[in-house]
Amino acid sequence: QVQLVESGGGLVQPGGSLRLSCAASGSIFRINNMDWYRQGPGKQRELVASITRGGTTNYADSVKGRFTISRDNAKNTVYLQMNSLKPEDTAVYYCNAEIYTTIGTGYYWGQGTQVTVSS
């Protein structure tokens, strides 16, 4: 059994910052790619940022220069530092990871954490 648990969401004013964390636990051999997605009100879920095990990153155009994804392989944790937040960043943020376990490889999702950007 593998679990991904996100934390760090909340209410922040425009221009503010938040740091999201997502920790994986369970029978994990190795974690490859780790990603952050978000789903805003009335919108489809979209990829925000991704990071390989080796640290190569990729970002959606809408967050480039404002968000930074990082990971700690020893802690099986991925982070998303979000700066200069805008109201349009309001969404539920989900982490996703490709994880090798005792029963094979699979993609796992966290439960989501709400980020609200509002004055």
PDB file of N, CA and C in Angstrom:
ATOM      1  N   GLN A   1       0.856  -1.190   0.000  1.00  0.00           N
ATOM      2  CA  GLN A   1       0.000   0.000   0.000  1.00  0.00           C
ATOM      3  C   GLN A   1       0.890   1.237   0.000  1.00  0.00           C
ATOM      4  N   VAL A   2       0.586   2.151  -0.919  1.00  0.00           N
ATOM      5  CA  VAL A   2       1.325   3.399  -1.026  1.00  0.00           C
ATOM      6  C   VAL A   2       0.367   4.554  -0.782  1.00  0.00           C
ATOM      7  N   GLN A   3       0.832   5.533  -0.034  1.00  0.00           N
ATOM      8  CA  GLN A   3       0.044   6.741   0.202  1.00  0.00           C
ATOM      9  C   GLN A   3       0.859   7.966  -0.130  1.00  0.00           C
ATOM     10  N   LEU A   4       0.194   8.953  -0.748  1.00  0.00           N
ATOM     11  CA  LEU A   4       0.783  10.270  -0.961  1.00  0.00           C
ATOM     12  C   LEU A   4      -0.061  11.256  -0.168  1.00  0.00           C
ATOM     13  N   VAL A   5       0.588  12.023   0.676  1.00  0.00           N
ATOM     14  CA  VAL A   5      -0.124  12.967   1.524  1.00  0.00           C
ATOM     15  C   VAL A   5       0.426  14.368   1.289  1.00  0.00           C
ATOM     16  N   GLU A   6      -0.465  15.262   0.822  1.00  0.00           N
ATOM     17  CA  GLU A   6      -0.081  16.648   0.570  1.00  0.00           C
ATOM     18  C   GLU A   6      -0.355  17.506   1.795  1.00  0.00           C
ATOM     19  N   SER A   7       0.381  18.593   1.890  1.00  0.00           N
ATOM     20  CA  SER A   7       0.159  19.577   2.958  1.00  0.00           C
ATOM     21  C   SER A   7       0.666  20.927   2.487  1.00  0.00           C
ATOM     22  N   GLY A   8       0.251  21.975   3.202  1.00  0.00           N
ATOM     23  CA  GLY A   8       0.781  23.301   2.927  1.00  0.00           C
ATOM     24  C   GLY A   8      -0.159  24.253   2.228  1.00  0.00           C
ATOM     25  N   GLY A   9      -1.335  23.778   1.847  1.00  0.00           N
ATOM     26  CA  GLY A   9      -2.280  24.668   1.196  1.00  0.00           C
ATOM     27  C   GLY A   9      -2.886  25.655   2.176  1.00  0.00           C
ATOM     28  N   GLY A  10      -3.658  26.600   1.627  1.00  0.00           N
ATOM     29  CA  GLY A  10      -4.305  27.574   2.487  1.00  0.00           C
ATOM     30  C   GLY A  10      -4.756  28.790   1.714  1.00  0.00           C
ATOM     31  N   LEU A  11      -5.100  29.829   2.468  1.00  0.00           N
ATOM     32  CA  LEU A  11      -5.551  31.095   1.902  1.00  0.00           C
ATOM     33  C   LEU A  11      -4.393  32.084   1.940  1.00  0.00           C
ATOM     34  N   VAL A  12      -4.135  32.736   0.811  1.00  0.00           N
ATOM     35  CA  VAL A  12      -3.036  33.688   0.727  1.00  0.00           C
ATOM     36  C   VAL A  12      -3.474  34.863  -0.139  1.00  0.00           C
ATOM     37  N   GLN A  13      -2.951  36.027   0.149  1.00  0.00           N
ATOM     38  CA  GLN A  13      -3.265  37.207  -0.646  1.00  0.00           C
ATOM     39  C   GLN A  13      -2.483  37.203  -1.955  1.00  0.00           C
ATOM     40  N   PRO A  14      -2.996  37.868  -2.977  1.00  0.00           N
ATOM     41  CA  PRO A  14      -2.237  37.983  -4.229  1.00  0.00           C
ATOM     42  C   PRO A  14      -0.850  38.553  -3.973  1.00  0.00           C
ATOM     43  N   GLY A  15       0.147  37.962  -4.635  1.00  0.00           N
ATOM     44  CA  GLY A  15       1.530  38.345  -4.422  1.00  0.00           C
ATOM     45  C   GLY A  15       2.223  37.556  -3.337  1.00  0.00           C
ATOM     46  N   GLY A  16       1.461  36.776  -2.587  1.00  0.00           N
ATOM     47  CA  GLY A  16       2.023  35.999  -1.491  1.00  0.00           C
ATOM     48  C   GLY A  16       2.648  34.697  -1.951  1.00  0.00           C
ATOM     49  N   SER A  17       3.097  33.918  -0.969  1.00  0.00           N
ATOM     50  CA  SER A  17       3.790  32.661  -1.246  1.00  0.00           C
ATOM     51  C   SER A  17       3.220  31.529  -0.397  1.00  0.00           C
ATOM     52  N   LEU A  18       3.326  30.335  -0.918  1.00  0.00           N
ATOM     53  CA  LEU A  18       3.005  29.111  -0.187  1.00  0.00           C
ATOM     54  C   LEU A  18       3.984  28.031  -0.615  1.00  0.00           C
ATOM     55  N   ARG A  19       4.223  27.075   0.284  1.00  0.00           N
ATOM     56  CA  ARG A  19       5.041  25.928  -0.055  1.00  0.00           C
ATOM     57  C   ARG A  19       4.244  24.664   0.206  1.00  0.00           C
ATOM     58  N   LEU A  20       4.023  23.896  -0.853  1.00  0.00           N
ATOM     59  CA  LEU A  20       3.317  22.628  -0.735  1.00  0.00           C
ATOM     60  C   LEU A  20       4.325  21.492  -0.579  1.00  0.00           C
ATOM     61  N   SER A  21       3.919  20.480   0.173  1.00  0.00           N
ATOM     62  CA  SER A  21       4.724  19.275   0.328  1.00  0.00           C
ATOM     63  C   SER A  21       3.865  18.062   0.015  1.00  0.00           C
ATOM     64  N   CYS A  22       4.502  17.028  -0.473  1.00  0.00           N
ATOM     65  CA  CYS A  22       3.815  15.758  -0.730  1.00  0.00           C
ATOM     66  C   CYS A  22       4.768  14.631  -0.358  1.00  0.00           C
ATOM     67  N   ALA A  23       4.389  13.866   0.646  1.00  0.00           N
ATOM     68  CA  ALA A  23       5.233  12.783   1.135  1.00  0.00           C
ATOM     69  C   ALA A  23       4.629  11.432   0.773  1.00  0.00           C
ATOM     70  N   ALA A  24       5.449  10.566   0.202  1.00  0.00           N
ATOM     71  CA  ALA A  24       5.020   9.210  -0.145  1.00  0.00           C
ATOM     72  C   ALA A  24       5.475   8.242   0.934  1.00  0.00           C
ATOM     73  N   SER A  25       4.612   7.280   1.238  1.00  0.00           N
ATOM     74  CA  SER A  25       4.967   6.270   2.236  1.00  0.00           C
ATOM     75  C   SER A  25       4.407   4.918   1.815  1.00  0.00           C
ATOM     76  N   GLY A  26       4.975   3.858   2.386  1.00  0.00           N
ATOM     77  CA  GLY A  26       4.526   2.515   2.068  1.00  0.00           C
ATOM     78  C   GLY A  26       5.679   1.664   1.574  1.00  0.00           C
ATOM     79  N   SER A  27       5.333   0.599   0.858  1.00  0.00           N
ATOM     80  CA  SER A  27       6.337  -0.356   0.367  1.00  0.00           C
ATOM     81  C   SER A  27       6.926   0.158  -0.938  1.00  0.00           C
ATOM     82  N   ILE A  28       7.821   1.109  -0.831  1.00  0.00           N
ATOM     83  CA  ILE A  28       8.381   1.810  -1.987  1.00  0.00           C
ATOM     84  C   ILE A  28       9.808   1.359  -2.235  1.00  0.00           C
ATOM     85  N   PHE A  29      10.057   0.915  -3.483  1.00  0.00           N
ATOM     86  CA  PHE A  29      11.426   0.627  -3.882  1.00  0.00           C
ATOM     87  C   PHE A  29      12.099   1.876  -4.429  1.00  0.00           C
ATOM     88  N   ARG A  30      11.382   2.550  -5.306  1.00  0.00           N
ATOM     89  CA  ARG A  30      11.942   3.728  -5.933  1.00  0.00           C
ATOM     90  C   ARG A  30      10.824   4.583  -6.498  1.00  0.00           C
ATOM     91  N   ILE A  31      11.048   5.899  -6.506  1.00  0.00           N
ATOM     92  CA  ILE A  31      10.107   6.831  -7.110  1.00  0.00           C
ATOM     93  C   ILE A  31      10.780   7.492  -8.294  1.00  0.00           C
ATOM     94  N   ASN A  32      10.154   7.409  -9.435  1.00  0.00           N
ATOM     95  CA  ASN A  32      10.686   8.086 -10.622  1.00  0.00           C
ATOM     96  C   ASN A  32      10.131   9.511 -10.683  1.00  0.00           C
ATOM     97  N   ASN A  33       9.395   9.842 -11.737  1.00  0.00           N
ATOM     98  CA  ASN A  33       8.873  11.203 -11.855  1.00  0.00           C
ATOM     99  C   ASN A  33       7.892  11.537 -10.734  1.00  0.00           C
ATOM    100  N   MET A  34       7.962  12.789 -10.283  1.00  0.00           N
ATOM    101  CA  MET A  34       6.979  13.320  -9.324  1.00  0.00           C
ATOM    102  C   MET A  34       6.433  14.609  -9.908  1.00  0.00           C
ATOM    103  N   ASP A  35       5.132  14.764  -9.864  1.00  0.00           N
ATOM    104  CA  ASP A  35       4.474  15.882 -10.534  1.00  0.00           C
ATOM    105  C   ASP A  35       3.503  16.579  -9.591  1.00  0.00           C
ATOM    106  N   TRP A  36       3.247  17.841  -9.913  1.00  0.00           N
ATOM    107  CA  TRP A  36       2.158  18.589  -9.288  1.00  0.00           C
ATOM    108  C   TRP A  36       1.141  18.946 -10.370  1.00  0.00           C
ATOM    109  N   TYR A  37      -0.119  18.646 -10.090  1.00  0.00           N
ATOM    110  CA  TYR A  37      -1.229  19.029 -10.940  1.00  0.00           C
ATOM    111  C   TYR A  37      -2.122  19.974 -10.138  1.00  0.00           C
ATOM    112  N   ARG A  38      -3.021  20.658 -10.849  1.00  0.00           N
ATOM    113  CA  ARG A  38      -4.025  21.460 -10.167  1.00  0.00           C
ATOM    114  C   ARG A  38      -5.325  21.436 -10.963  1.00  0.00           C
ATOM    115  N   GLN A  39      -6.411  21.646 -10.222  1.00  0.00           N
ATOM    116  CA  GLN A  39      -7.722  21.725 -10.854  1.00  0.00           C
ATOM    117  C   GLN A  39      -8.471  22.898 -10.247  1.00  0.00           C
ATOM    118  N   GLY A  40      -8.657  23.930 -11.067  1.00  0.00           N
ATOM    119  CA  GLY A  40      -9.380  25.104 -10.621  1.00  0.00           C
ATOM    120  C   GLY A  40     -10.875  24.918 -10.772  1.00  0.00           C
ATOM    121  N   PRO A  41     -11.660  25.810 -10.207  1.00  0.00           N
ATOM    122  CA  PRO A  41     -13.123  25.718 -10.289  1.00  0.00           C
ATOM    123  C   PRO A  41     -13.589  25.701 -11.747  1.00  0.00           C
ATOM    124  N   GLY A  42     -14.321  24.674 -12.115  1.00  0.00           N
ATOM    125  CA  GLY A  42     -14.853  24.574 -13.460  1.00  0.00           C
ATOM    126  C   GLY A  42     -13.819  24.296 -14.534  1.00  0.00           C
ATOM    127  N   LYS A  43     -12.620  23.881 -14.127  1.00  0.00           N
ATOM    128  CA  LYS A  43     -11.555  23.639 -15.098  1.00  0.00           C
ATOM    129  C   LYS A  43     -11.108  22.189 -15.055  1.00  0.00           C
ATOM    130  N   GLN A  44     -10.417  21.778 -16.111  1.00  0.00           N
ATOM    131  CA  GLN A  44      -9.834  20.444 -16.132  1.00  0.00           C
ATOM    132  C   GLN A  44      -8.532  20.428 -15.326  1.00  0.00           C
ATOM    133  N   ARG A  45      -8.181  19.255 -14.853  1.00  0.00           N
ATOM    134  CA  ARG A  45      -6.915  19.118 -14.141  1.00  0.00           C
ATOM    135  C   ARG A  45      -5.770  19.359 -15.122  1.00  0.00           C
ATOM    136  N   GLU A  46      -4.767  20.119 -14.689  1.00  0.00           N
ATOM    137  CA  GLU A  46      -3.642  20.442 -15.559  1.00  0.00           C
ATOM    138  C   GLU A  46      -2.320  20.196 -14.836  1.00  0.00           C
ATOM    139  N   LEU A  47      -1.308  19.849 -15.629  1.00  0.00           N
ATOM    140  CA  LEU A  47       0.031  19.646 -15.095  1.00  0.00           C
ATOM    141  C   LEU A  47       0.672  21.006 -14.815  1.00  0.00           C
ATOM    142  N   VAL A  48       1.168  21.173 -13.615  1.00  0.00           N
ATOM    143  CA  VAL A  48       1.806  22.427 -13.215  1.00  0.00           C
ATOM    144  C   VAL A  48       3.327  22.324 -13.322  1.00  0.00           C
ATOM    145  N   ALA A  49       3.879  21.246 -12.766  1.00  0.00           N
ATOM    146  CA  ALA A  49       5.332  21.092 -12.747  1.00  0.00           C
ATOM    147  C   ALA A  49       5.671  19.624 -12.564  1.00  0.00           C
ATOM    148  N   SER A  50       6.825  19.234 -13.088  1.00  0.00           N
ATOM    149  CA  SER A  50       7.279  17.861 -12.926  1.00  0.00           C
ATOM    150  C   SER A  50       8.778  17.850 -12.664  1.00  0.00           C
ATOM    151  N   ILE A  51       9.230  16.777 -12.016  1.00  0.00           N
ATOM    152  CA  ILE A  51      10.649  16.631 -11.713  1.00  0.00           C
ATOM    153  C   ILE A  51      11.019  15.163 -11.793  1.00  0.00           C
ATOM    154  N   THR A  52      12.130  14.875 -12.480  1.00  0.00           N
ATOM    155  CA  THR A  52      12.609  13.504 -12.575  1.00  0.00           C
ATOM    156  C   THR A  52      13.387  13.145 -11.315  1.00  0.00           C
ATOM    157  N   ARG A  53      13.731  11.887 -11.208  1.00  0.00           N
ATOM    158  CA  ARG A  53      14.492  11.450 -10.045  1.00  0.00           C
ATOM    159  C   ARG A  53      15.850  12.165  -9.988  1.00  0.00           C
ATOM    160  N   GLY A  54      16.390  12.458 -11.158  1.00  0.00           N
ATOM    161  CA  GLY A  54      17.679  13.132 -11.230  1.00  0.00           C
ATOM    162  C   GLY A  54      17.609  14.637 -11.061  1.00  0.00           C
ATOM    163  N   GLY A  55      16.382  15.169 -11.007  1.00  0.00           N
ATOM    164  CA  GLY A  55      16.240  16.596 -10.733  1.00  0.00           C
ATOM    165  C   GLY A  55      15.917  17.469 -11.933  1.00  0.00           C
ATOM    166  N   THR A  56      15.691  16.878 -13.092  1.00  0.00           N
ATOM    167  CA  THR A  56      15.293  17.676 -14.250  1.00  0.00           C
ATOM    168  C   THR A  56      13.852  18.127 -14.078  1.00  0.00           C
ATOM    169  N   THR A  57      13.619  19.419 -14.297  1.00  0.00           N
ATOM    170  CA  THR A  57      12.302  19.998 -14.041  1.00  0.00           C
ATOM    171  C   THR A  57      11.644  20.502 -15.318  1.00  0.00           C
ATOM    172  N   ASN A  58      10.318  20.606 -15.236  1.00  0.00           N
ATOM    173  CA  ASN A  58       9.540  21.151 -16.337  1.00  0.00           C
ATOM    174  C   ASN A  58       8.343  21.869 -15.740  1.00  0.00           C
ATOM    175  N   TYR A  59       7.952  22.986 -16.365  1.00  0.00           N
ATOM    176  CA  TYR A  59       6.877  23.811 -15.808  1.00  0.00           C
ATOM    177  C   TYR A  59       5.867  24.194 -16.880  1.00  0.00           C
ATOM    178  N   ALA A  60       4.627  24.371 -16.454  1.00  0.00           N
ATOM    179  CA  ALA A  60       3.630  24.971 -17.322  1.00  0.00           C
ATOM    180  C   ALA A  60       4.013  26.434 -17.546  1.00  0.00           C
ATOM    181  N   ASP A  61       3.694  26.945 -18.721  1.00  0.00           N
ATOM    182  CA  ASP A  61       4.053  28.331 -19.045  1.00  0.00           C
ATOM    183  C   ASP A  61       3.464  29.307 -18.039  1.00  0.00           C
ATOM    184  N   SER A  62       2.285  29.003 -17.521  1.00  0.00           N
ATOM    185  CA  SER A  62       1.582  29.919 -16.628  1.00  0.00           C
ATOM    186  C   SER A  62       2.274  30.095 -15.277  1.00  0.00           C
ATOM    187  N   VAL A  63       3.203  29.201 -14.921  1.00  0.00           N
ATOM    188  CA  VAL A  63       3.849  29.292 -13.606  1.00  0.00           C
ATOM    189  C   VAL A  63       5.356  29.477 -13.700  1.00  0.00           C
ATOM    190  N   LYS A  64       5.893  29.473 -14.905  1.00  0.00           N
ATOM    191  CA  LYS A  64       7.344  29.628 -15.060  1.00  0.00           C
ATOM    192  C   LYS A  64       7.815  30.936 -14.431  1.00  0.00           C
ATOM    193  N   GLY A  65       8.910  30.842 -13.690  1.00  0.00           N
ATOM    194  CA  GLY A  65       9.452  32.021 -13.038  1.00  0.00           C
ATOM    195  C   GLY A  65       8.820  32.333 -11.696  1.00  0.00           C
ATOM    196  N   ARG A  66       7.713  31.677 -11.370  1.00  0.00           N
ATOM    197  CA  ARG A  66       7.034  31.927 -10.091  1.00  0.00           C
ATOM    198  C   ARG A  66       7.043  30.694  -9.179  1.00  0.00           C
ATOM    199  N   PHE A  67       6.942  29.505  -9.774  1.00  0.00           N
ATOM    200  CA  PHE A  67       6.882  28.263  -9.004  1.00  0.00           C
ATOM    201  C   PHE A  67       8.193  27.502  -9.173  1.00  0.00           C
ATOM    202  N   THR A  68       8.590  26.796  -8.125  1.00  0.00           N
ATOM    203  CA  THR A  68       9.774  25.949  -8.164  1.00  0.00           C
ATOM    204  C   THR A  68       9.446  24.585  -7.568  1.00  0.00           C
ATOM    205  N   ILE A  69       9.685  23.538  -8.355  1.00  0.00           N
ATOM    206  CA  ILE A  69       9.491  22.177  -7.864  1.00  0.00           C
ATOM    207  C   ILE A  69      10.841  21.616  -7.435  1.00  0.00           C
ATOM    208  N   SER A  70      10.837  20.868  -6.344  1.00  0.00           N
ATOM    209  CA  SER A  70      12.066  20.229  -5.866  1.00  0.00           C
ATOM    210  C   SER A  70      11.672  18.928  -5.164  1.00  0.00           C
ATOM    211  N   ARG A  71      12.657  18.106  -4.867  1.00  0.00           N
ATOM    212  CA  ARG A  71      12.353  16.846  -4.203  1.00  0.00           C
ATOM    213  C   ARG A  71      13.499  16.427  -3.304  1.00  0.00           C
ATOM    214  N   ASP A  72      13.174  15.599  -2.317  1.00  0.00           N
ATOM    215  CA  ASP A  72      14.153  14.994  -1.426  1.00  0.00           C
ATOM    216  C   ASP A  72      13.964  13.490  -1.554  1.00  0.00           C
ATOM    217  N   ASN A  73      14.851  12.838  -2.307  1.00  0.00           N
ATOM    218  CA  ASN A  73      14.688  11.410  -2.563  1.00  0.00           C
ATOM    219  C   ASN A  73      14.804  10.574  -1.282  1.00  0.00           C
ATOM    220  N   ALA A  74      15.598  11.021  -0.342  1.00  0.00           N
ATOM    221  CA  ALA A  74      15.755  10.277   0.914  1.00  0.00           C
ATOM    222  C   ALA A  74      14.470  10.282   1.728  1.00  0.00           C
ATOM    223  N   LYS A  75      13.678  11.336   1.560  1.00  0.00           N
ATOM    224  CA  LYS A  75      12.416  11.462   2.303  1.00  0.00           C
ATOM    225  C   LYS A  75      11.201  11.116   1.456  1.00  0.00           C
ATOM    226  N   ASN A  76      11.413  10.721   0.193  1.00  0.00           N
ATOM    227  CA  ASN A  76      10.296  10.418  -0.715  1.00  0.00           C
ATOM    228  C   ASN A  76       9.290  11.569  -0.748  1.00  0.00           C
ATOM    229  N   THR A  77       9.796  12.772  -0.840  1.00  0.00           N
ATOM    230  CA  THR A  77       8.954  13.960  -0.743  1.00  0.00           C
ATOM    231  C   THR A  77       9.239  14.912  -1.897  1.00  0.00           C
ATOM    232  N   VAL A  78       8.158  15.496  -2.412  1.00  0.00           N
ATOM    233  CA  VAL A  78       8.264  16.523  -3.444  1.00  0.00           C
ATOM    234  C   VAL A  78       7.662  17.806  -2.898  1.00  0.00           C
ATOM    235  N   TYR A  79       8.219  18.931  -3.313  1.00  0.00           N
ATOM    236  CA  TYR A  79       7.787  20.238  -2.846  1.00  0.00           C
ATOM    237  C   TYR A  79       7.403  21.119  -4.028  1.00  0.00           C
ATOM    238  N   LEU A  80       6.560  22.094  -3.762  1.00  0.00           N
ATOM    239  CA  LEU A  80       6.238  23.115  -4.749  1.00  0.00           C
ATOM    240  C   LEU A  80       6.250  24.464  -4.046  1.00  0.00           C
ATOM    241  N   GLN A  81       7.283  25.249  -4.324  1.00  0.00           N
ATOM    242  CA  GLN A  81       7.356  26.597  -3.788  1.00  0.00           C
ATOM    243  C   GLN A  81       6.641  27.523  -4.757  1.00  0.00           C
ATOM    244  N   MET A  82       5.624  28.209  -4.265  1.00  0.00           N
ATOM    245  CA  MET A  82       4.803  29.066  -5.119  1.00  0.00           C
ATOM    246  C   MET A  82       4.947  30.505  -4.652  1.00  0.00           C
ATOM    247  N   ASN A  83       5.493  31.334  -5.512  1.00  0.00           N
ATOM    248  CA  ASN A  83       5.682  32.760  -5.212  1.00  0.00           C
ATOM    249  C   ASN A  83       4.846  33.608  -6.154  1.00  0.00           C
ATOM    250  N   SER A  84       4.683  34.865  -5.793  1.00  0.00           N
ATOM    251  CA  SER A  84       3.924  35.810  -6.635  1.00  0.00           C
ATOM    252  C   SER A  84       2.590  35.217  -7.046  1.00  0.00           C
ATOM    253  N   LEU A  85       1.875  34.686  -6.094  1.00  0.00           N
ATOM    254  CA  LEU A  85       0.616  34.002  -6.401  1.00  0.00           C
ATOM    255  C   LEU A  85      -0.433  34.961  -6.925  1.00  0.00           C
ATOM    256  N   LYS A  86      -1.238  34.442  -7.850  1.00  0.00           N
ATOM    257  CA  LYS A  86      -2.296  35.207  -8.505  1.00  0.00           C
ATOM    258  C   LYS A  86      -3.642  34.540  -8.210  1.00  0.00           C
ATOM    259  N   PRO A  87      -4.728  35.291  -8.301  1.00  0.00           N
ATOM    260  CA  PRO A  87      -6.046  34.674  -8.090  1.00  0.00           C
ATOM    261  C   PRO A  87      -6.286  33.471  -9.006  1.00  0.00           C
ATOM    262  N   GLU A  88      -5.749  33.510 -10.200  1.00  0.00           N
ATOM    263  CA  GLU A  88      -5.943  32.391 -11.131  1.00  0.00           C
ATOM    264  C   GLU A  88      -5.175  31.138 -10.743  1.00  0.00           C
ATOM    265  N   ASP A  89      -4.330  31.233  -9.722  1.00  0.00           N
ATOM    266  CA  ASP A  89      -3.661  30.036  -9.203  1.00  0.00           C
ATOM    267  C   ASP A  89      -4.556  29.275  -8.223  1.00  0.00           C
ATOM    268  N   THR A  90      -5.701  29.835  -7.903  1.00  0.00           N
ATOM    269  CA  THR A  90      -6.629  29.164  -6.994  1.00  0.00           C
ATOM    270  C   THR A  90      -7.071  27.828  -7.574  1.00  0.00           C
ATOM    271  N   ALA A  91      -6.871  26.770  -6.814  1.00  0.00           N
ATOM    272  CA  ALA A  91      -7.171  25.420  -7.296  1.00  0.00           C
ATOM    273  C   ALA A  91      -6.915  24.425  -6.174  1.00  0.00           C
ATOM    274  N   VAL A  92      -7.351  23.205  -6.409  1.00  0.00           N
ATOM    275  CA  VAL A  92      -6.901  22.092  -5.587  1.00  0.00           C
ATOM    276  C   VAL A  92      -5.639  21.537  -6.256  1.00  0.00           C
ATOM    277  N   TYR A  93      -4.591  21.426  -5.477  1.00  0.00           N
ATOM    278  CA  TYR A  93      -3.306  20.956  -5.987  1.00  0.00           C
ATOM    279  C   TYR A  93      -3.089  19.506  -5.578  1.00  0.00           C
ATOM    280  N   TYR A  94      -2.719  18.692  -6.556  1.00  0.00           N
ATOM    281  CA  TYR A  94      -2.514  17.256  -6.344  1.00  0.00           C
ATOM    282  C   TYR A  94      -1.087  16.873  -6.720  1.00  0.00           C
ATOM    283  N   CYS A  95      -0.505  15.981  -5.960  1.00  0.00           N
ATOM    284  CA  CYS A  95       0.760  15.404  -6.397  1.00  0.00           C
ATOM    285  C   CYS A  95       0.500  14.032  -7.005  1.00  0.00           C
ATOM    286  N   ASN A  96       1.379  13.678  -7.905  1.00  0.00           N
ATOM    287  CA  ASN A  96       1.303  12.399  -8.619  1.00  0.00           C
ATOM    288  C   ASN A  96       2.719  11.859  -8.743  1.00  0.00           C
ATOM    289  N   ALA A  97       2.869  10.561  -8.573  1.00  0.00           N
ATOM    290  CA  ALA A  97       4.208   9.985  -8.643  1.00  0.00           C
ATOM    291  C   ALA A  97       4.172   8.608  -9.279  1.00  0.00           C
ATOM    292  N   GLU A  98       5.217   8.309 -10.041  1.00  0.00           N
ATOM    293  CA  GLU A  98       5.414   6.965 -10.601  1.00  0.00           C
ATOM    294  C   GLU A  98       6.272   6.210  -9.599  1.00  0.00           C
ATOM    295  N   ILE A  99       5.703   5.152  -9.016  1.00  0.00           N
ATOM    296  CA  ILE A  99       6.357   4.484  -7.890  1.00  0.00           C
ATOM    297  C   ILE A  99       6.516   2.994  -8.155  1.00  0.00           C
ATOM    298  N   TYR A 100       7.729   2.508  -7.934  1.00  0.00           N
ATOM    299  CA  TYR A 100       7.999   1.077  -7.985  1.00  0.00           C
ATOM    300  C   TYR A 100       7.767   0.504  -6.590  1.00  0.00           C
ATOM    301  N   THR A 101       6.886  -0.495  -6.520  1.00  0.00           N
ATOM    302  CA  THR A 101       6.568  -1.115  -5.230  1.00  0.00           C
ATOM    303  C   THR A 101       6.811  -2.619  -5.306  1.00  0.00           C
ATOM    304  N   THR A 102       6.448  -3.313  -4.259  1.00  0.00           N
ATOM    305  CA  THR A 102       6.615  -4.765  -4.220  1.00  0.00           C
ATOM    306  C   THR A 102       5.738  -5.473  -5.227  1.00  0.00           C
ATOM    307  N   ILE A 103       4.693  -4.819  -5.725  1.00  0.00           N
ATOM    308  CA  ILE A 103       3.779  -5.480  -6.661  1.00  0.00           C
ATOM    309  C   ILE A 103       3.892  -4.907  -8.069  1.00  0.00           C
ATOM    310  N   GLY A 104       4.871  -4.045  -8.293  1.00  0.00           N
ATOM    311  CA  GLY A 104       5.067  -3.498  -9.619  1.00  0.00           C
ATOM    312  C   GLY A 104       5.070  -1.984  -9.623  1.00  0.00           C
ATOM    313  N   THR A 105       4.904  -1.436 -10.824  1.00  0.00           N
ATOM    314  CA  THR A 105       4.961   0.016 -11.001  1.00  0.00           C
ATOM    315  C   THR A 105       3.559   0.580 -11.160  1.00  0.00           C
ATOM    316  N   GLY A 106       3.335   1.727 -10.564  1.00  0.00           N
ATOM    317  CA  GLY A 106       2.046   2.372 -10.722  1.00  0.00           C
ATOM    318  C   GLY A 106       2.151   3.868 -10.512  1.00  0.00           C
ATOM    319  N   TYR A 107       1.089   4.566 -10.932  1.00  0.00           N
ATOM    320  CA  TYR A 107       0.992   6.002 -10.704  1.00  0.00           C
ATOM    321  C   TYR A 107       0.014   6.240  -9.562  1.00  0.00           C
ATOM    322  N   TYR A 108       0.452   7.031  -8.603  1.00  0.00           N
ATOM    323  CA  TYR A 108      -0.333   7.253  -7.399  1.00  0.00           C
ATOM    324  C   TYR A 108      -0.632   8.743  -7.242  1.00  0.00           C
ATOM    325  N   TRP A 109      -1.823   9.031  -6.700  1.00  0.00           N
ATOM    326  CA  TRP A 109      -2.275  10.397  -6.480  1.00  0.00           C
ATOM    327  C   TRP A 109      -2.445  10.672  -4.990  1.00  0.00           C
ATOM    328  N   GLY A 110      -2.169  11.923  -4.629  1.00  0.00           N
ATOM    329  CA  GLY A 110      -2.524  12.381  -3.295  1.00  0.00           C
ATOM    330  C   GLY A 110      -3.980  12.806  -3.261  1.00  0.00           C
ATOM    331  N   GLN A 111      -4.433  13.212  -2.079  1.00  0.00           N
ATOM    332  CA  GLN A 111      -5.840  13.555  -1.890  1.00  0.00           C
ATOM    333  C   GLN A 111      -6.138  14.997  -2.282  1.00  0.00           C
ATOM    334  N   GLY A 112      -5.107  15.796  -2.471  1.00  0.00           N
ATOM    335  CA  GLY A 112      -5.279  17.185  -2.866  1.00  0.00           C
ATOM    336  C   GLY A 112      -5.236  18.140  -1.689  1.00  0.00           C
ATOM    337  N   THR A 113      -4.762  19.348  -1.969  1.00  0.00           N
ATOM    338  CA  THR A 113      -4.744  20.404  -0.949  1.00  0.00           C
ATOM    339  C   THR A 113      -5.206  21.701  -1.612  1.00  0.00           C
ATOM    340  N   GLN A 114      -6.105  22.407  -0.939  1.00  0.00           N
ATOM    341  CA  GLN A 114      -6.717  23.604  -1.512  1.00  0.00           C
ATOM    342  C   GLN A 114      -5.790  24.799  -1.366  1.00  0.00           C
ATOM    343  N   VAL A 115      -5.609  25.511  -2.465  1.00  0.00           N
ATOM    344  CA  VAL A 115      -4.893  26.789  -2.458  1.00  0.00           C
ATOM    345  C   VAL A 115      -5.867  27.858  -2.945  1.00  0.00           C
ATOM    346  N   THR A 116      -6.067  28.870  -2.129  1.00  0.00           N
ATOM    347  CA  THR A 116      -6.965  29.964  -2.483  1.00  0.00           C
ATOM    348  C   THR A 116      -6.189  31.271  -2.422  1.00  0.00           C
ATOM    349  N   VAL A 117      -6.192  31.990  -3.543  1.00  0.00           N
ATOM    350  CA  VAL A 117      -5.491  33.269  -3.628  1.00  0.00           C
ATOM    351  C   VAL A 117      -6.545  34.367  -3.753  1.00  0.00           C
ATOM    352  N   SER A 118      -6.677  35.142  -2.702  1.00  0.00           N
ATOM    353  CA  SER A 118      -7.742  36.140  -2.672  1.00  0.00           C
ATOM    354  C   SER A 118      -7.401  37.224  -1.659  1.00  0.00           C
ATOM    355  N   SER A 119      -7.857  38.429  -1.963  1.00  0.00           N
ATOM    356  CA  SER A 119      -7.674  39.533  -1.016  1.00  0.00           C
ATOM    357  C   SER A 119      -8.919  39.683  -0.136  1.00  0.00           C
TER     358      SER A 119
END
